[in-house]
């Protein structure tokens, strides 16, 4: 299958590409390269690449393909809040435009990378959330995902199959590493701070999925029978991987005997908390996870020990997407506004 992956140089994309290639797909990657300077291994799979802002893609860029896996976005809540207008432009408007172009040129399957963060905060911790439950997005990032789901869904017909993956919070090692994800962050704090530092009270719930397991879901969605996935929303994760943050810290501690856990005495309240059901995905694709938090945190810990990332990098948030974006904007202050000007 001829597959386009947008955001192929990002945290998920760097793990997804080898899986797609191994399965025999012909891959075209589209990425502006915003975070490429923070990639820790220069060698990348040899594929057809288009270096372009997602907002500048044309029908010529995507024609003669069978499917799109759309990862490209301002990729987390803090980045979304940095510039809400830009988040709307990239995550919602450009995504809808891409889906419309995909349908226009005859692409059959459009897989949209959404997020479980669309559920926001659920006051009752005992409530398990299904795809049919009401969304309550709190952040600009989550709002952009809900709007895109709703509007792309209206494009579905016999010849165009959109699929919406509400992904759990991702963890695990990638060559385009992020340490602003909860499992990765807590594991890195153990290595660089000699303590597992919880930056909240540890009570919020998070559904989790390893980046390799998530990548396999994307790949499986390409081949899934149309009748099982057509215009469907899927919570993407595994039910046994719902944790409170303090529970994540305890699992990491089991990998590093004697490591202490500290809980922040003062912190910005985290209003996001949700416990998610993943039975629909399991029934559709008969999936099993190959990773869990304990195994994944050990992988992160060992890779970090053998990497060039230093304690200073961690303390300066060198592997945080928000910090990386701010660094790019410091170097090129008109970078993002210039892109906006070009399409207005």
C-alpha atoms as a PDB file:
ATOM      1  CA  UNK A   1       0.000   0.000   0.000  1.00  0.00           C
ATOM      2  CA  UNK A   2       1.195   3.536  -0.750  1.00  0.00           C
ATOM      3  CA  UNK A   3       0.956   5.381   2.559  1.00  0.00           C
ATOM      4  CA  UNK A   4       1.559   9.016   3.514  1.00  0.00           C
ATOM      5  CA  UNK A   5       2.653   9.708   7.090  1.00  0.00           C
ATOM      6  CA  UNK A   6       2.477  13.347   8.126  1.00  0.00           C
ATOM      7  CA  UNK A   7       4.770  14.284  11.002  1.00  0.00           C
ATOM      8  CA  UNK A   8       6.986  11.306  10.189  1.00  0.00           C
ATOM      9  CA  UNK A   9      10.033  12.859  11.882  1.00  0.00           C
ATOM     10  CA  UNK A  10       8.257  13.184  15.237  1.00  0.00           C
ATOM     11  CA  UNK A  11       8.204  11.037  18.358  1.00  0.00           C
ATOM     12  CA  UNK A  12       5.651   8.529  17.027  1.00  0.00           C
ATOM     13  CA  UNK A  13       6.647   8.790  13.387  1.00  0.00           C
ATOM     14  CA  UNK A  14      10.246   7.718  14.031  1.00  0.00           C
ATOM     15  CA  UNK A  15       8.936   4.440  15.507  1.00  0.00           C
ATOM     16  CA  UNK A  16       6.068   3.958  13.054  1.00  0.00           C
ATOM     17  CA  UNK A  17       8.068   4.223   9.821  1.00  0.00           C
ATOM     18  CA  UNK A  18      10.214   1.068  10.276  1.00  0.00           C
ATOM     19  CA  UNK A  19       7.072  -0.918  11.122  1.00  0.00           C
ATOM     20  CA  UNK A  20       5.298   0.228   7.963  1.00  0.00           C
ATOM     21  CA  UNK A  21       8.346  -0.491   5.827  1.00  0.00           C
ATOM     22  CA  UNK A  22       8.764  -3.944   7.380  1.00  0.00           C
ATOM     23  CA  UNK A  23       5.153  -4.703   6.453  1.00  0.00           C
ATOM     24  CA  UNK A  24       5.866  -3.876   2.832  1.00  0.00           C
ATOM     25  CA  UNK A  25       4.223  -0.467   2.552  1.00  0.00           C
ATOM     26  CA  UNK A  26       5.624   2.236   0.289  1.00  0.00           C
ATOM     27  CA  UNK A  27       5.870   5.289   2.535  1.00  0.00           C
ATOM     28  CA  UNK A  28       5.949   9.019   1.814  1.00  0.00           C
ATOM     29  CA  UNK A  29       6.743  11.236   4.784  1.00  0.00           C
ATOM     30  CA  UNK A  30       5.616  14.840   5.056  1.00  0.00           C
ATOM     31  CA  UNK A  31       7.189  16.960   7.787  1.00  0.00           C
ATOM     32  CA  UNK A  32       8.412  20.516   8.174  1.00  0.00           C
ATOM     33  CA  UNK A  33      11.361  19.298  10.260  1.00  0.00           C
ATOM     34  CA  UNK A  34      10.612  21.624  13.160  1.00  0.00           C
ATOM     35  CA  UNK A  35      12.165  19.297  15.743  1.00  0.00           C
ATOM     36  CA  UNK A  36      14.661  17.485  13.549  1.00  0.00           C
ATOM     37  CA  UNK A  37      17.614  19.157  15.260  1.00  0.00           C
ATOM     38  CA  UNK A  38      16.567  17.368  18.458  1.00  0.00           C
ATOM     39  CA  UNK A  39      16.726  13.910  16.854  1.00  0.00           C
ATOM     40  CA  UNK A  40      19.337  11.754  18.588  1.00  0.00           C
ATOM     41  CA  UNK A  41      20.172   9.473  15.667  1.00  0.00           C
ATOM     42  CA  UNK A  42      20.786  11.038  12.287  1.00  0.00           C
ATOM     43  CA  UNK A  43      20.230   7.909  10.189  1.00  0.00           C
ATOM     44  CA  UNK A  44      16.623   7.534   9.090  1.00  0.00           C
ATOM     45  CA  UNK A  45      14.749   5.088   6.867  1.00  0.00           C
ATOM     46  CA  UNK A  46      15.167   5.890   3.189  1.00  0.00           C
ATOM     47  CA  UNK A  47      11.724   6.952   2.011  1.00  0.00           C
ATOM     48  CA  UNK A  48      10.236   9.590  -0.248  1.00  0.00           C
ATOM     49  CA  UNK A  49      10.170  12.794   1.821  1.00  0.00           C
ATOM     50  CA  UNK A  50       8.374  16.092   1.357  1.00  0.00           C
ATOM     51  CA  UNK A  51       9.632  18.884   3.593  1.00  0.00           C
ATOM     52  CA  UNK A  52       6.628  21.131   3.891  1.00  0.00           C
ATOM     53  CA  UNK A  53       4.374  22.812   6.441  1.00  0.00           C
ATOM     54  CA  UNK A  54       1.175  20.801   6.803  1.00  0.00           C
ATOM     55  CA  UNK A  55      -0.735  23.981   5.927  1.00  0.00           C
ATOM     56  CA  UNK A  56       1.001  24.157   2.531  1.00  0.00           C
ATOM     57  CA  UNK A  57       0.306  20.639   1.265  1.00  0.00           C
ATOM     58  CA  UNK A  58      -1.270  20.437  -2.198  1.00  0.00           C
ATOM     59  CA  UNK A  59      -3.151  17.726  -4.053  1.00  0.00           C
ATOM     60  CA  UNK A  60      -0.001  17.127  -6.117  1.00  0.00           C
ATOM     61  CA  UNK A  61       1.835  16.150  -2.915  1.00  0.00           C
ATOM     62  CA  UNK A  62      -0.643  13.441  -1.952  1.00  0.00           C
ATOM     63  CA  UNK A  63      -2.116  12.067  -5.183  1.00  0.00           C
ATOM     64  CA  UNK A  64      -1.400   8.458  -6.190  1.00  0.00           C
ATOM     65  CA  UNK A  65      -1.503   7.223  -2.594  1.00  0.00           C
ATOM     66  CA  UNK A  66      -3.895   4.810  -0.911  1.00  0.00           C
ATOM     67  CA  UNK A  67      -3.943   6.053   2.691  1.00  0.00           C
ATOM     68  CA  UNK A  68      -2.837   8.839   5.019  1.00  0.00           C
ATOM     69  CA  UNK A  69      -1.780   8.472   8.647  1.00  0.00           C
ATOM     70  CA  UNK A  70      -2.071  12.022   9.942  1.00  0.00           C
ATOM     71  CA  UNK A  71       0.228  12.592  12.916  1.00  0.00           C
ATOM     72  CA  UNK A  72       1.355  16.177  12.269  1.00  0.00           C
ATOM     73  CA  UNK A  73       0.172  18.638  14.918  1.00  0.00           C
ATOM     74  CA  UNK A  74       1.248  20.895  17.721  1.00  0.00           C
ATOM     75  CA  UNK A  75       1.515  17.823  19.801  1.00  0.00           C
ATOM     76  CA  UNK A  76       0.528  18.451  23.401  1.00  0.00           C
ATOM     77  CA  UNK A  77      -1.466  20.656  25.755  1.00  0.00           C
ATOM     78  CA  UNK A  78       1.268  23.184  26.711  1.00  0.00           C
ATOM     79  CA  UNK A  79       2.187  23.778  23.064  1.00  0.00           C
ATOM     80  CA  UNK A  80      -1.468  24.224  22.226  1.00  0.00           C
ATOM     81  CA  UNK A  81      -1.841  26.898  24.870  1.00  0.00           C
ATOM     82  CA  UNK A  82       1.266  28.793  23.709  1.00  0.00           C
ATOM     83  CA  UNK A  83      -0.610  30.150  20.691  1.00  0.00           C
ATOM     84  CA  UNK A  84      -4.286  29.082  20.504  1.00  0.00           C
ATOM     85  CA  UNK A  85      -4.735  30.637  17.071  1.00  0.00           C
ATOM     86  CA  UNK A  86      -1.827  28.660  15.694  1.00  0.00           C
ATOM     87  CA  UNK A  87      -3.160  25.479  17.290  1.00  0.00           C
ATOM     88  CA  UNK A  88      -6.484  26.040  15.549  1.00  0.00           C
ATOM     89  CA  UNK A  89      -4.738  26.722  12.243  1.00  0.00           C
ATOM     90  CA  UNK A  90      -2.492  23.655  12.320  1.00  0.00           C
ATOM     91  CA  UNK A  91      -4.401  21.049  14.286  1.00  0.00           C
ATOM     92  CA  UNK A  92      -7.906  21.752  13.026  1.00  0.00           C
ATOM     93  CA  UNK A  93      -8.065  23.858   9.855  1.00  0.00           C
ATOM     94  CA  UNK A  94      -5.079  22.248   8.129  1.00  0.00           C
ATOM     95  CA  UNK A  95      -6.194  18.744   9.158  1.00  0.00           C
ATOM     96  CA  UNK A  96      -9.680  19.247   7.727  1.00  0.00           C
ATOM     97  CA  UNK A  97      -8.202  20.709   4.539  1.00  0.00           C
ATOM     98  CA  UNK A  98      -5.891  17.689   4.204  1.00  0.00           C
ATOM     99  CA  UNK A  99      -8.821  15.283   4.611  1.00  0.00           C
ATOM    100  CA  UNK A 100     -10.818  17.114   1.945  1.00  0.00           C
ATOM    101  CA  UNK A 101      -7.881  16.970  -0.469  1.00  0.00           C
ATOM    102  CA  UNK A 102      -7.387  13.283   0.297  1.00  0.00           C
ATOM    103  CA  UNK A 103     -10.978  12.573  -0.628  1.00  0.00           C
ATOM    104  CA  UNK A 104     -10.673  14.715  -3.758  1.00  0.00           C
ATOM    105  CA  UNK A 105      -7.680  12.752  -5.114  1.00  0.00           C
ATOM    106  CA  UNK A 106      -9.171   9.353  -4.327  1.00  0.00           C
ATOM    107  CA  UNK A 107      -7.303   8.337  -1.176  1.00  0.00           C
ATOM    108  CA  UNK A 108      -9.403   5.637   0.437  1.00  0.00           C
ATOM    109  CA  UNK A 109      -8.375   5.676   4.095  1.00  0.00           C
ATOM    110  CA  UNK A 110      -7.590   8.632   6.375  1.00  0.00           C
ATOM    111  CA  UNK A 111      -6.360   7.734   9.862  1.00  0.00           C
ATOM    112  CA  UNK A 112      -6.471  10.701  12.231  1.00  0.00           C
ATOM    113  CA  UNK A 113      -4.304  10.757  15.344  1.00  0.00           C
ATOM    114  CA  UNK A 114      -6.601  12.126  18.049  1.00  0.00           C
ATOM    115  CA  UNK A 115      -6.254  11.843  21.820  1.00  0.00           C
ATOM    116  CA  UNK A 116      -7.959  10.559  24.948  1.00  0.00           C
ATOM    117  CA  UNK A 117      -7.408  14.079  26.310  1.00  0.00           C
ATOM    118  CA  UNK A 118     -10.675  15.004  24.581  1.00  0.00           C
ATOM    119  CA  UNK A 119     -12.419  13.521  27.647  1.00  0.00           C
ATOM    120  CA  UNK A 120     -10.975  16.274  29.867  1.00  0.00           C
ATOM    121  CA  UNK A 121     -11.686  15.757  33.522  1.00  0.00           C
ATOM    122  CA  UNK A 122     -14.104  13.257  35.006  1.00  0.00           C
ATOM    123  CA  UNK A 123     -14.909  13.958  38.642  1.00  0.00           C
ATOM    124  CA  UNK A 124     -15.980  10.375  39.354  1.00  0.00           C
ATOM    125  CA  UNK A 125     -12.800   8.266  39.217  1.00  0.00           C
ATOM    126  CA  UNK A 126     -14.882   5.114  39.056  1.00  0.00           C
ATOM    127  CA  UNK A 127     -16.458   6.100  35.735  1.00  0.00           C
ATOM    128  CA  UNK A 128     -14.974   4.300  32.746  1.00  0.00           C
ATOM    129  CA  UNK A 129     -15.149   6.241  29.487  1.00  0.00           C
ATOM    130  CA  UNK A 130     -16.295   4.759  26.198  1.00  0.00           C
ATOM    131  CA  UNK A 131     -16.177   6.226  22.685  1.00  0.00           C
ATOM    132  CA  UNK A 132     -19.860   7.121  22.975  1.00  0.00           C
ATOM    133  CA  UNK A 133     -19.367   9.218  26.116  1.00  0.00           C
ATOM    134  CA  UNK A 134     -19.491  12.993  25.975  1.00  0.00           C
ATOM    135  CA  UNK A 135     -16.203  14.754  25.376  1.00  0.00           C
ATOM    136  CA  UNK A 136     -15.195  17.632  27.649  1.00  0.00           C
ATOM    137  CA  UNK A 137     -11.998  19.058  26.171  1.00  0.00           C
ATOM    138  CA  UNK A 138     -10.226  21.496  28.485  1.00  0.00           C
ATOM    139  CA  UNK A 139      -7.234  22.599  26.427  1.00  0.00           C
ATOM    140  CA  UNK A 140      -6.903  24.146  22.966  1.00  0.00           C
ATOM    141  CA  UNK A 141      -5.100  20.986  21.849  1.00  0.00           C
ATOM    142  CA  UNK A 142      -7.990  18.740  22.890  1.00  0.00           C
ATOM    143  CA  UNK A 143     -10.606  21.113  21.467  1.00  0.00           C
ATOM    144  CA  UNK A 144      -8.854  21.074  18.099  1.00  0.00           C
ATOM    145  CA  UNK A 145      -8.955  17.277  18.063  1.00  0.00           C
ATOM    146  CA  UNK A 146     -12.696  17.121  18.781  1.00  0.00           C
ATOM    147  CA  UNK A 147     -13.519  19.664  16.080  1.00  0.00           C
ATOM    148  CA  UNK A 148     -11.442  17.799  13.522  1.00  0.00           C
ATOM    149  CA  UNK A 149     -13.057  14.465  14.394  1.00  0.00           C
ATOM    150  CA  UNK A 150     -16.531  15.931  13.962  1.00  0.00           C
ATOM    151  CA  UNK A 151     -15.878  17.679  10.662  1.00  0.00           C
ATOM    152  CA  UNK A 152     -13.803  14.985   8.976  1.00  0.00           C
ATOM    153  CA  UNK A 153     -16.450  12.430   9.932  1.00  0.00           C
ATOM    154  CA  UNK A 154     -18.936  14.263   7.702  1.00  0.00           C
ATOM    155  CA  UNK A 155     -16.726  13.564   4.683  1.00  0.00           C
ATOM    156  CA  UNK A 156     -17.147   9.786   4.963  1.00  0.00           C
ATOM    157  CA  UNK A 157     -18.764   7.946   2.077  1.00  0.00           C
ATOM    158  CA  UNK A 158     -18.406   4.639   0.242  1.00  0.00           C
ATOM    159  CA  UNK A 159     -15.072   5.705  -1.218  1.00  0.00           C
ATOM    160  CA  UNK A 160     -13.556   7.561   1.734  1.00  0.00           C
ATOM    161  CA  UNK A 161     -12.986   5.926   5.120  1.00  0.00           C
ATOM    162  CA  UNK A 162     -11.875   8.175   7.969  1.00  0.00           C
ATOM    163  CA  UNK A 163     -10.750   6.489  11.202  1.00  0.00           C
ATOM    164  CA  UNK A 164     -10.249   8.374  14.464  1.00  0.00           C
ATOM    165  CA  UNK A 165      -7.733   7.086  17.002  1.00  0.00           C
ATOM    166  CA  UNK A 166      -8.155   8.609  20.454  1.00  0.00           C
ATOM    167  CA  UNK A 167      -4.719   7.589  21.633  1.00  0.00           C
ATOM    168  CA  UNK A 168      -3.783   7.027  25.247  1.00  0.00           C
ATOM    169  CA  UNK A 169      -0.786   8.941  26.607  1.00  0.00           C
ATOM    170  CA  UNK A 170       2.255   7.537  24.857  1.00  0.00           C
ATOM    171  CA  UNK A 171       5.510   6.410  26.476  1.00  0.00           C
ATOM    172  CA  UNK A 172       8.644   4.601  25.429  1.00  0.00           C
ATOM    173  CA  UNK A 173      11.920   5.313  23.684  1.00  0.00           C
ATOM    174  CA  UNK A 174      12.080   7.008  20.280  1.00  0.00           C
ATOM    175  CA  UNK A 175      14.988   8.546  18.431  1.00  0.00           C
ATOM    176  CA  UNK A 176      12.965  11.758  18.385  1.00  0.00           C
ATOM    177  CA  UNK A 177      12.693  11.594  22.147  1.00  0.00           C
ATOM    178  CA  UNK A 178      10.200  13.402  24.347  1.00  0.00           C
ATOM    179  CA  UNK A 179      10.631  13.646  28.109  1.00  0.00           C
ATOM    180  CA  UNK A 180       7.464  15.703  28.619  1.00  0.00           C
ATOM    181  CA  UNK A 181       5.348  12.526  28.646  1.00  0.00           C
ATOM    182  CA  UNK A 182       4.519  11.222  32.093  1.00  0.00           C
ATOM    183  CA  UNK A 183       6.241   7.800  32.079  1.00  0.00           C
ATOM    184  CA  UNK A 184       9.274   9.124  30.222  1.00  0.00           C
ATOM    185  CA  UNK A 185       9.505  12.120  32.539  1.00  0.00           C
ATOM    186  CA  UNK A 186       9.260  10.167  35.781  1.00  0.00           C
ATOM    187  CA  UNK A 187      11.815   7.651  34.533  1.00  0.00           C
ATOM    188  CA  UNK A 188      14.242  10.387  33.486  1.00  0.00           C
ATOM    189  CA  UNK A 189      13.871  12.081  36.864  1.00  0.00           C
ATOM    190  CA  UNK A 190      14.962   8.840  38.512  1.00  0.00           C
ATOM    191  CA  UNK A 191      18.136   8.787  36.410  1.00  0.00           C
ATOM    192  CA  UNK A 192      19.051  12.449  36.502  1.00  0.00           C
ATOM    193  CA  UNK A 193      17.654  13.530  39.879  1.00  0.00           C
ATOM    194  CA  UNK A 194      18.114  10.260  41.803  1.00  0.00           C
ATOM    195  CA  UNK A 195      14.471  10.493  42.781  1.00  0.00           C
ATOM    196  CA  UNK A 196      11.156   9.925  41.025  1.00  0.00           C
ATOM    197  CA  UNK A 197       9.668  13.399  41.134  1.00  0.00           C
ATOM    198  CA  UNK A 198       5.889  13.607  40.781  1.00  0.00           C
ATOM    199  CA  UNK A 199       5.017  17.148  39.727  1.00  0.00           C
ATOM    200  CA  UNK A 200       1.408  16.920  40.935  1.00  0.00           C
ATOM    201  CA  UNK A 201      -0.352  15.220  43.825  1.00  0.00           C
ATOM    202  CA  UNK A 202      -0.210  11.981  41.844  1.00  0.00           C
ATOM    203  CA  UNK A 203      -3.963  11.474  41.788  1.00  0.00           C
ATOM    204  CA  UNK A 204      -4.932  12.111  38.118  1.00  0.00           C
ATOM    205  CA  UNK A 205      -5.697   9.069  35.999  1.00  0.00           C
ATOM    206  CA  UNK A 206      -3.970   8.456  32.680  1.00  0.00           C
ATOM    207  CA  UNK A 207      -4.473   5.700  30.121  1.00  0.00           C
ATOM    208  CA  UNK A 208      -1.094   4.741  28.650  1.00  0.00           C
ATOM    209  CA  UNK A 209       0.288   3.021  25.557  1.00  0.00           C
ATOM    210  CA  UNK A 210       3.837   2.262  24.456  1.00  0.00           C
ATOM    211  CA  UNK A 211       4.891   3.996  21.252  1.00  0.00           C
ATOM    212  CA  UNK A 212       5.594   0.654  19.541  1.00  0.00           C
ATOM    213  CA  UNK A 213       2.171  -0.736  20.454  1.00  0.00           C
ATOM    214  CA  UNK A 214       0.566   2.474  19.201  1.00  0.00           C
ATOM    215  CA  UNK A 215       2.523   2.294  15.957  1.00  0.00           C
ATOM    216  CA  UNK A 216       1.284  -1.248  15.389  1.00  0.00           C
ATOM    217  CA  UNK A 217      -2.292  -0.025  15.833  1.00  0.00           C
ATOM    218  CA  UNK A 218      -1.772   2.580  13.113  1.00  0.00           C
ATOM    219  CA  UNK A 219      -0.332  -0.108  10.842  1.00  0.00           C
ATOM    220  CA  UNK A 220      -3.168  -2.526  11.611  1.00  0.00           C
ATOM    221  CA  UNK A 221      -5.755   0.145  10.802  1.00  0.00           C
ATOM    222  CA  UNK A 222      -4.430   0.278   7.248  1.00  0.00           C
ATOM    223  CA  UNK A 223      -5.408  -3.354   6.668  1.00  0.00           C
ATOM    224  CA  UNK A 224      -8.482  -3.637   8.908  1.00  0.00           C
ATOM    225  CA  UNK A 225     -11.719  -4.655   7.143  1.00  0.00           C
ATOM    226  CA  UNK A 226     -13.608  -1.543   6.109  1.00  0.00           C
ATOM    227  CA  UNK A 227     -16.826  -2.654   7.808  1.00  0.00           C
ATOM    228  CA  UNK A 228     -15.062  -2.753  11.181  1.00  0.00           C
ATOM    229  CA  UNK A 229     -13.430   0.674  11.065  1.00  0.00           C
ATOM    230  CA  UNK A 230     -15.292   2.898   8.594  1.00  0.00           C
ATOM    231  CA  UNK A 231     -15.899   6.351  10.115  1.00  0.00           C
ATOM    232  CA  UNK A 232     -15.334   4.948  13.590  1.00  0.00           C
ATOM    233  CA  UNK A 233     -13.782   6.414  16.741  1.00  0.00           C
ATOM    234  CA  UNK A 234     -11.505   4.118  18.725  1.00  0.00           C
ATOM    235  CA  UNK A 235     -10.005   4.637  22.137  1.00  0.00           C
ATOM    236  CA  UNK A 236      -6.484   3.346  21.519  1.00  0.00           C
ATOM    237  CA  UNK A 237      -4.784   1.682  24.434  1.00  0.00           C
ATOM    238  CA  UNK A 238      -5.246  -1.308  26.723  1.00  0.00           C
ATOM    239  CA  UNK A 239      -7.568  -1.426  29.707  1.00  0.00           C
ATOM    240  CA  UNK A 240      -4.910  -2.812  32.064  1.00  0.00           C
ATOM    241  CA  UNK A 241      -2.786   0.267  31.311  1.00  0.00           C
ATOM    242  CA  UNK A 242      -4.985   2.819  33.116  1.00  0.00           C
ATOM    243  CA  UNK A 243      -2.995   4.278  36.023  1.00  0.00           C
ATOM    244  CA  UNK A 244      -2.932   7.067  38.503  1.00  0.00           C
ATOM    245  CA  UNK A 245       0.324   9.009  38.262  1.00  0.00           C
ATOM    246  CA  UNK A 246       1.408   7.797  41.704  1.00  0.00           C
ATOM    247  CA  UNK A 247       0.878   4.224  40.502  1.00  0.00           C
ATOM    248  CA  UNK A 248       3.167   4.858  37.539  1.00  0.00           C
ATOM    249  CA  UNK A 249       5.864   6.097  39.914  1.00  0.00           C
ATOM    250  CA  UNK A 250       5.630   2.915  42.001  1.00  0.00           C
ATOM    251  CA  UNK A 251       6.069   0.717  38.927  1.00  0.00           C
ATOM    252  CA  UNK A 252       9.161   2.669  37.917  1.00  0.00           C
ATOM    253  CA  UNK A 253      10.460   2.322  41.465  1.00  0.00           C
ATOM    254  CA  UNK A 254      10.243  -1.464  41.171  1.00  0.00           C
ATOM    255  CA  UNK A 255      12.826  -1.303  38.365  1.00  0.00           C
ATOM    256  CA  UNK A 256      15.243   0.722  40.496  1.00  0.00           C
ATOM    257  CA  UNK A 257      15.364  -0.685  44.056  1.00  0.00           C
ATOM    258  CA  UNK A 258      15.945   1.939  46.697  1.00  0.00           C
ATOM    259  CA  UNK A 259      14.826   4.820  44.488  1.00  0.00           C
ATOM    260  CA  UNK A 260      12.668   7.297  46.392  1.00  0.00           C
ATOM    261  CA  UNK A 261       9.472   8.994  45.272  1.00  0.00           C
ATOM    262  CA  UNK A 262       8.753  12.659  45.981  1.00  0.00           C
ATOM    263  CA  UNK A 263       5.435  14.449  45.557  1.00  0.00           C
ATOM    264  CA  UNK A 264       5.379  18.159  44.793  1.00  0.00           C
ATOM    265  CA  UNK A 265       4.325  20.344  47.727  1.00  0.00           C
ATOM    266  CA  UNK A 266       3.132  23.074  45.397  1.00  0.00           C
ATOM    267  CA  UNK A 267       2.065  22.610  41.806  1.00  0.00           C
ATOM    268  CA  UNK A 268      -0.283  23.859  39.121  1.00  0.00           C
ATOM    269  CA  UNK A 269      -3.444  21.758  39.446  1.00  0.00           C
ATOM    270  CA  UNK A 270      -3.819  19.187  36.664  1.00  0.00           C
ATOM    271  CA  UNK A 271      -7.499  19.216  35.783  1.00  0.00           C
ATOM    272  CA  UNK A 272      -7.179  16.337  33.297  1.00  0.00           C
ATOM    273  CA  UNK A 273      -8.127  12.948  34.687  1.00  0.00           C
ATOM    274  CA  UNK A 274      -9.815  10.131  32.818  1.00  0.00           C
ATOM    275  CA  UNK A 275     -10.079   6.344  32.967  1.00  0.00           C
ATOM    276  CA  UNK A 276     -10.752   4.819  29.561  1.00  0.00           C
ATOM    277  CA  UNK A 277     -12.219   1.599  28.138  1.00  0.00           C
ATOM    278  CA  UNK A 278     -10.510   0.037  25.105  1.00  0.00           C
ATOM    279  CA  UNK A 279     -12.761  -2.960  24.382  1.00  0.00           C
ATOM    280  CA  UNK A 280     -13.938  -1.618  21.025  1.00  0.00           C
ATOM    281  CA  UNK A 281     -10.389  -1.568  19.668  1.00  0.00           C
ATOM    282  CA  UNK A 282      -9.666  -5.043  21.024  1.00  0.00           C
ATOM    283  CA  UNK A 283     -12.836  -6.442  19.426  1.00  0.00           C
ATOM    284  CA  UNK A 284     -12.112  -4.792  16.066  1.00  0.00           C
ATOM    285  CA  UNK A 285      -8.449  -5.742  15.721  1.00  0.00           C
ATOM    286  CA  UNK A 286      -7.923  -8.524  18.301  1.00  0.00           C
ATOM    287  CA  UNK A 287      -4.926  -6.666  19.685  1.00  0.00           C
ATOM    288  CA  UNK A 288      -2.609  -7.497  22.545  1.00  0.00           C
ATOM    289  CA  UNK A 289      -0.038  -5.151  24.007  1.00  0.00           C
ATOM    290  CA  UNK A 290       3.597  -6.218  23.849  1.00  0.00           C
ATOM    291  CA  UNK A 291       4.625  -3.568  26.374  1.00  0.00           C
ATOM    292  CA  UNK A 292       3.570  -2.404  29.817  1.00  0.00           C
ATOM    293  CA  UNK A 293       4.684   0.520  31.961  1.00  0.00           C
ATOM    294  CA  UNK A 294       7.181  -1.436  34.034  1.00  0.00           C
ATOM    295  CA  UNK A 295       8.865  -2.944  30.968  1.00  0.00           C
ATOM    296  CA  UNK A 296       8.702   0.339  29.061  1.00  0.00           C
ATOM    297  CA  UNK A 297      10.205   2.417  31.857  1.00  0.00           C
ATOM    298  CA  UNK A 298      13.125   0.006  32.066  1.00  0.00           C
ATOM    299  CA  UNK A 299      13.672   0.442  28.315  1.00  0.00           C
ATOM    300  CA  UNK A 300      13.691   4.226  28.700  1.00  0.00           C
ATOM    301  CA  UNK A 301      16.054   4.101  31.697  1.00  0.00           C
ATOM    302  CA  UNK A 302      18.593   1.878  29.915  1.00  0.00           C
ATOM    303  CA  UNK A 303      18.497   3.900  26.691  1.00  0.00           C
ATOM    304  CA  UNK A 304      18.937   7.175  28.550  1.00  0.00           C
ATOM    305  CA  UNK A 305      21.928   5.812  30.442  1.00  0.00           C
ATOM    306  CA  UNK A 306      23.571   4.991  27.100  1.00  0.00           C
ATOM    307  CA  UNK A 307      22.539   8.189  25.331  1.00  0.00           C
ATOM    308  CA  UNK A 308      24.217  11.561  24.938  1.00  0.00           C
ATOM    309  CA  UNK A 309      21.451  13.229  26.966  1.00  0.00           C
ATOM    310  CA  UNK A 310      22.856  14.800  30.123  1.00  0.00           C
ATOM    311  CA  UNK A 311      21.462  15.864  33.468  1.00  0.00           C
ATOM    312  CA  UNK A 312      21.741  19.449  32.265  1.00  0.00           C
ATOM    313  CA  UNK A 313      19.679  18.590  29.174  1.00  0.00           C
ATOM    314  CA  UNK A 314      16.990  17.156  31.444  1.00  0.00           C
ATOM    315  CA  UNK A 315      17.007  20.121  33.827  1.00  0.00           C
ATOM    316  CA  UNK A 316      16.875  22.556  30.883  1.00  0.00           C
ATOM    317  CA  UNK A 317      14.008  20.568  29.370  1.00  0.00           C
ATOM    318  CA  UNK A 318      15.926  19.919  26.171  1.00  0.00           C
ATOM    319  CA  UNK A 319      13.623  17.008  25.300  1.00  0.00           C
ATOM    320  CA  UNK A 320      10.385  18.876  26.005  1.00  0.00           C
ATOM    321  CA  UNK A 321       8.437  19.842  22.882  1.00  0.00           C
ATOM    322  CA  UNK A 322       7.362  23.197  24.340  1.00  0.00           C
ATOM    323  CA  UNK A 323      10.949  24.104  25.222  1.00  0.00           C
ATOM    324  CA  UNK A 324      12.116  22.968  21.792  1.00  0.00           C
ATOM    325  CA  UNK A 325       9.487  25.108  20.063  1.00  0.00           C
ATOM    326  CA  UNK A 326      10.477  28.116  22.162  1.00  0.00           C
ATOM    327  CA  UNK A 327      14.122  27.535  21.184  1.00  0.00           C
ATOM    328  CA  UNK A 328      13.219  27.440  17.502  1.00  0.00           C
ATOM    329  CA  UNK A 329      11.244  30.661  17.874  1.00  0.00           C
ATOM    330  CA  UNK A 330      14.158  32.317  19.694  1.00  0.00           C
ATOM    331  CA  UNK A 331      16.425  31.494  16.764  1.00  0.00           C
ATOM    332  CA  UNK A 332      13.835  32.252  14.075  1.00  0.00           C
ATOM    333  CA  UNK A 333      11.284  34.636  15.640  1.00  0.00           C
ATOM    334  CA  UNK A 334       9.224  34.988  12.458  1.00  0.00           C
ATOM    335  CA  UNK A 335       9.267  31.295  11.609  1.00  0.00           C
ATOM    336  CA  UNK A 336       5.676  30.373  12.390  1.00  0.00           C
ATOM    337  CA  UNK A 337       4.140  33.753  11.589  1.00  0.00           C
ATOM    338  CA  UNK A 338       5.882  33.617   8.202  1.00  0.00           C
ATOM    339  CA  UNK A 339       4.229  30.315   7.495  1.00  0.00           C
ATOM    340  CA  UNK A 340       0.865  31.822   8.399  1.00  0.00           C
ATOM    341  CA  UNK A 341       1.451  34.846   6.185  1.00  0.00           C
ATOM    342  CA  UNK A 342       2.164  32.595   3.216  1.00  0.00           C
ATOM    343  CA  UNK A 343      -1.256  30.946   3.354  1.00  0.00           C
ATOM    344  CA  UNK A 344      -3.414  33.944   4.246  1.00  0.00           C
END
